[in-house]
Every structure is written in structure tokens, then in C-alpha cells.
């Protein structure tokens, strides 16, 4: 998948979540995942959001079948990196350290999370 910075809204992110989970999907499949009772209006909304994501280069479309299939062309890690850096830039003068410290102190970490964080820190040295 492409590694590039992109700006997506929360509703566009919900579509990407479905595509990351399924790999590829038709509009109807995405609509059914996002809405408890899909309607023509929700279908049209999903279609419009996919068009926006496609224009941003975040989604690709396979037009070979009757129902077009969509897939994410940007990965979750890229969006996480971008959003965390934006928050760090706005709130912490660009430094990730205060942001990470706040996240760790503000939420009780599970033993598994602590172990993963410890392992990551050891790998960085």
C-alpha cells in the first residue's frame, strides 16, 4: 500500500476501517457494515464518500465486474502516524514525547501493552 500523508474525515475513516477489515468490498457490503438498516440514502452516502476517498488516492476501484469493488490504497499505520504528528504539532510543539507520556500515564496499560511497549523501547536502543 502507498505510504503517503492523507487527510480523511471521521466518516471516510469508517469506510477505510471496513476496507481494511474486508480487503475489498462493493458499496452495498460497506453500506451494510456501516448502517444497521441500510437505505438508498445511506447507499448514496457511502458511494459519495468512496468517490472522495478515490479522488484523494486512498481507495482504488476494480471496475471489471458488475459491482465495482473498492480497496484501501493507504494503510492504517500511515493515518495513525499522520494524525499523531498533527496532534503533537498542535499541542506539543512537534514533540511526540509529551503526547506518549500523557497517553501512558492517563490510561492504565494492560500487562500485554506494558510488555509490548517495553519490547519496543528496547528495540529502539
C-alpha atoms as a PDB file:
ATOM      1  CA  UNK A   1       0.000   0.000   0.000  1.00  0.00           C
ATOM      2  CA  UNK A   2       1.086   3.582  -0.553  1.00  0.00           C
ATOM      3  CA  UNK A   3       2.921   5.341   2.280  1.00  0.00           C
ATOM      4  CA  UNK A   4       1.843   8.954   1.989  1.00  0.00           C
ATOM      5  CA  UNK A   5       0.152  11.560   4.136  1.00  0.00           C
ATOM      6  CA  UNK A   6      -3.574  11.917   3.613  1.00  0.00           C
ATOM      7  CA  UNK A   7      -6.356  13.850   5.297  1.00  0.00           C
ATOM      8  CA  UNK A   8      -9.568  11.930   5.882  1.00  0.00           C
ATOM      9  CA  UNK A   9     -12.694  12.772   7.821  1.00  0.00           C
ATOM     10  CA  UNK A  10     -14.113  10.511  10.518  1.00  0.00           C
ATOM     11  CA  UNK A  11     -16.808   9.254   8.152  1.00  0.00           C
ATOM     12  CA  UNK A  12     -14.215   8.477   5.490  1.00  0.00           C
ATOM     13  CA  UNK A  13     -12.179   6.701   8.157  1.00  0.00           C
ATOM     14  CA  UNK A  14     -15.189   4.476   8.923  1.00  0.00           C
ATOM     15  CA  UNK A  15     -15.197   3.391   5.271  1.00  0.00           C
ATOM     16  CA  UNK A  16     -11.457   2.702   5.379  1.00  0.00           C
ATOM     17  CA  UNK A  17     -11.958   0.621   8.531  1.00  0.00           C
ATOM     18  CA  UNK A  18     -14.367  -1.616   6.624  1.00  0.00           C
ATOM     19  CA  UNK A  19     -11.987  -1.925   3.685  1.00  0.00           C
ATOM     20  CA  UNK A  20      -9.030  -2.722   5.962  1.00  0.00           C
ATOM     21  CA  UNK A  21     -11.118  -5.439   7.565  1.00  0.00           C
ATOM     22  CA  UNK A  22     -12.548  -6.956   4.375  1.00  0.00           C
ATOM     23  CA  UNK A  23      -9.717  -6.283   1.938  1.00  0.00           C
ATOM     24  CA  UNK A  24     -12.128  -5.261  -0.803  1.00  0.00           C
ATOM     25  CA  UNK A  25     -15.849  -4.679  -0.920  1.00  0.00           C
ATOM     26  CA  UNK A  26     -18.722  -3.419  -3.026  1.00  0.00           C
ATOM     27  CA  UNK A  27     -20.707  -0.350  -1.973  1.00  0.00           C
ATOM     28  CA  UNK A  28     -23.584  -2.499  -0.700  1.00  0.00           C
ATOM     29  CA  UNK A  29     -21.263  -4.526   1.550  1.00  0.00           C
ATOM     30  CA  UNK A  30     -19.795  -1.363   3.040  1.00  0.00           C
ATOM     31  CA  UNK A  31     -23.267   0.135   3.469  1.00  0.00           C
ATOM     32  CA  UNK A  32     -24.443  -2.964   5.345  1.00  0.00           C
ATOM     33  CA  UNK A  33     -21.393  -2.833   7.642  1.00  0.00           C
ATOM     34  CA  UNK A  34     -21.844   0.835   8.489  1.00  0.00           C
ATOM     35  CA  UNK A  35     -25.597   1.129   8.854  1.00  0.00           C
ATOM     36  CA  UNK A  36     -27.928  -1.051  10.887  1.00  0.00           C
ATOM     37  CA  UNK A  37     -30.733  -0.551   8.380  1.00  0.00           C
ATOM     38  CA  UNK A  38     -29.233   0.440   5.016  1.00  0.00           C
ATOM     39  CA  UNK A  39     -31.381   2.597   2.758  1.00  0.00           C
ATOM     40  CA  UNK A  40     -30.984   4.222  -0.627  1.00  0.00           C
ATOM     41  CA  UNK A  41     -29.814   7.357   1.181  1.00  0.00           C
ATOM     42  CA  UNK A  42     -27.113   5.507   3.120  1.00  0.00           C
ATOM     43  CA  UNK A  43     -26.024   3.746  -0.082  1.00  0.00           C
ATOM     44  CA  UNK A  44     -25.682   7.123  -1.815  1.00  0.00           C
ATOM     45  CA  UNK A  45     -23.703   8.476   1.142  1.00  0.00           C
ATOM     46  CA  UNK A  46     -21.268   5.536   1.023  1.00  0.00           C
ATOM     47  CA  UNK A  47     -20.942   5.968  -2.739  1.00  0.00           C
ATOM     48  CA  UNK A  48     -20.109   9.671  -2.355  1.00  0.00           C
ATOM     49  CA  UNK A  49     -17.582   9.004   0.410  1.00  0.00           C
ATOM     50  CA  UNK A  50     -15.886   6.352  -1.737  1.00  0.00           C
ATOM     51  CA  UNK A  51     -15.667   8.854  -4.604  1.00  0.00           C
ATOM     52  CA  UNK A  52     -13.976  11.352  -2.266  1.00  0.00           C
ATOM     53  CA  UNK A  53     -11.562   8.727  -0.981  1.00  0.00           C
ATOM     54  CA  UNK A  54     -10.787   7.662  -4.530  1.00  0.00           C
ATOM     55  CA  UNK A  55     -10.074  11.289  -5.500  1.00  0.00           C
ATOM     56  CA  UNK A  56      -7.717  11.579  -2.510  1.00  0.00           C
ATOM     57  CA  UNK A  57      -5.903   8.435  -3.615  1.00  0.00           C
ATOM     58  CA  UNK A  58      -6.929   6.481  -0.519  1.00  0.00           C
ATOM     59  CA  UNK A  59      -9.149   3.989  -2.324  1.00  0.00           C
ATOM     60  CA  UNK A  60      -8.811   2.071  -5.552  1.00  0.00           C
ATOM     61  CA  UNK A  61     -11.650   0.665  -7.616  1.00  0.00           C
ATOM     62  CA  UNK A  62     -11.907  -2.523  -9.661  1.00  0.00           C
ATOM     63  CA  UNK A  63     -14.403  -1.785 -12.432  1.00  0.00           C
ATOM     64  CA  UNK A  64     -14.158  -5.190 -14.121  1.00  0.00           C
ATOM     65  CA  UNK A  65     -17.295  -6.691 -12.539  1.00  0.00           C
ATOM     66  CA  UNK A  66     -20.930  -5.626 -12.432  1.00  0.00           C
ATOM     67  CA  UNK A  67     -20.485  -4.315  -8.890  1.00  0.00           C
ATOM     68  CA  UNK A  68     -17.329  -2.259  -8.574  1.00  0.00           C
ATOM     69  CA  UNK A  69     -15.024  -3.465  -5.806  1.00  0.00           C
ATOM     70  CA  UNK A  70     -13.145  -0.975  -3.651  1.00  0.00           C
ATOM     71  CA  UNK A  71      -9.909  -1.475  -1.709  1.00  0.00           C
ATOM     72  CA  UNK A  72      -7.853   0.785   0.529  1.00  0.00           C
ATOM     73  CA  UNK A  73      -4.654   2.093  -1.042  1.00  0.00           C
ATOM     74  CA  UNK A  74      -3.482   3.747   2.182  1.00  0.00           C
ATOM     75  CA  UNK A  75      -2.791   1.738   5.300  1.00  0.00           C
ATOM     76  CA  UNK A  76      -3.848   2.300   8.891  1.00  0.00           C
ATOM     77  CA  UNK A  77      -0.257   2.937  10.055  1.00  0.00           C
ATOM     78  CA  UNK A  78       0.116   5.863   7.659  1.00  0.00           C
ATOM     79  CA  UNK A  79      -3.014   7.513   9.046  1.00  0.00           C
ATOM     80  CA  UNK A  80      -2.014   6.870  12.654  1.00  0.00           C
ATOM     81  CA  UNK A  81       1.430   8.382  12.028  1.00  0.00           C
ATOM     82  CA  UNK A  82      -0.065  11.430  10.354  1.00  0.00           C
ATOM     83  CA  UNK A  83      -2.758  12.087  12.954  1.00  0.00           C
ATOM     84  CA  UNK A  84      -0.416  11.648  15.923  1.00  0.00           C
ATOM     85  CA  UNK A  85       2.099  14.025  14.368  1.00  0.00           C
ATOM     86  CA  UNK A  86      -0.667  16.588  13.754  1.00  0.00           C
ATOM     87  CA  UNK A  87      -1.684  16.417  17.433  1.00  0.00           C
ATOM     88  CA  UNK A  88       1.947  16.656  18.532  1.00  0.00           C
ATOM     89  CA  UNK A  89       2.471  19.669  16.258  1.00  0.00           C
ATOM     90  CA  UNK A  90      -0.620  21.456  17.608  1.00  0.00           C
ATOM     91  CA  UNK A  91      -0.326  20.629  21.297  1.00  0.00           C
ATOM     92  CA  UNK A  92       3.295  19.707  22.000  1.00  0.00           C
ATOM     93  CA  UNK A  93       5.465  21.857  19.740  1.00  0.00           C
ATOM     94  CA  UNK A  94       6.011  18.907  17.418  1.00  0.00           C
ATOM     95  CA  UNK A  95       7.398  16.567  20.092  1.00  0.00           C
ATOM     96  CA  UNK A  96       5.770  13.168  20.481  1.00  0.00           C
ATOM     97  CA  UNK A  97       7.243  12.631  23.975  1.00  0.00           C
ATOM     98  CA  UNK A  98       4.621  14.637  25.932  1.00  0.00           C
ATOM     99  CA  UNK A  99       1.873  13.002  23.888  1.00  0.00           C
ATOM    100  CA  UNK A 100       3.131   9.471  24.532  1.00  0.00           C
ATOM    101  CA  UNK A 101       3.761  10.219  28.209  1.00  0.00           C
ATOM    102  CA  UNK A 102       0.241  11.555  28.608  1.00  0.00           C
ATOM    103  CA  UNK A 103      -1.261   8.515  26.896  1.00  0.00           C
ATOM    104  CA  UNK A 104       0.703   6.095  29.070  1.00  0.00           C
ATOM    105  CA  UNK A 105       0.026   7.953  32.331  1.00  0.00           C
ATOM    106  CA  UNK A 106      -3.596   8.737  31.551  1.00  0.00           C
ATOM    107  CA  UNK A 107      -4.690   5.184  30.861  1.00  0.00           C
ATOM    108  CA  UNK A 108      -3.853   2.106  32.806  1.00  0.00           C
ATOM    109  CA  UNK A 109      -1.930  -0.200  30.499  1.00  0.00           C
ATOM    110  CA  UNK A 110      -2.552  -3.918  30.465  1.00  0.00           C
ATOM    111  CA  UNK A 111       0.337  -6.273  31.153  1.00  0.00           C
ATOM    112  CA  UNK A 112       0.412  -7.106  27.454  1.00  0.00           C
ATOM    113  CA  UNK A 113       0.554  -3.428  26.480  1.00  0.00           C
ATOM    114  CA  UNK A 114       3.344  -2.752  29.008  1.00  0.00           C
ATOM    115  CA  UNK A 115       5.314  -5.717  27.668  1.00  0.00           C
ATOM    116  CA  UNK A 116       4.878  -4.567  24.059  1.00  0.00           C
ATOM    117  CA  UNK A 117       5.944  -1.025  24.970  1.00  0.00           C
ATOM    118  CA  UNK A 118       8.974  -2.315  26.892  1.00  0.00           C
ATOM    119  CA  UNK A 119       9.977  -4.526  23.954  1.00  0.00           C
ATOM    120  CA  UNK A 120       9.614  -1.628  21.533  1.00  0.00           C
ATOM    121  CA  UNK A 121      11.745   0.643  23.732  1.00  0.00           C
ATOM    122  CA  UNK A 122      14.473  -1.999  23.963  1.00  0.00           C
ATOM    123  CA  UNK A 123      14.482  -2.377  20.190  1.00  0.00           C
ATOM    124  CA  UNK A 124      14.980   1.365  19.773  1.00  0.00           C
ATOM    125  CA  UNK A 125      18.302   1.371  21.636  1.00  0.00           C
END
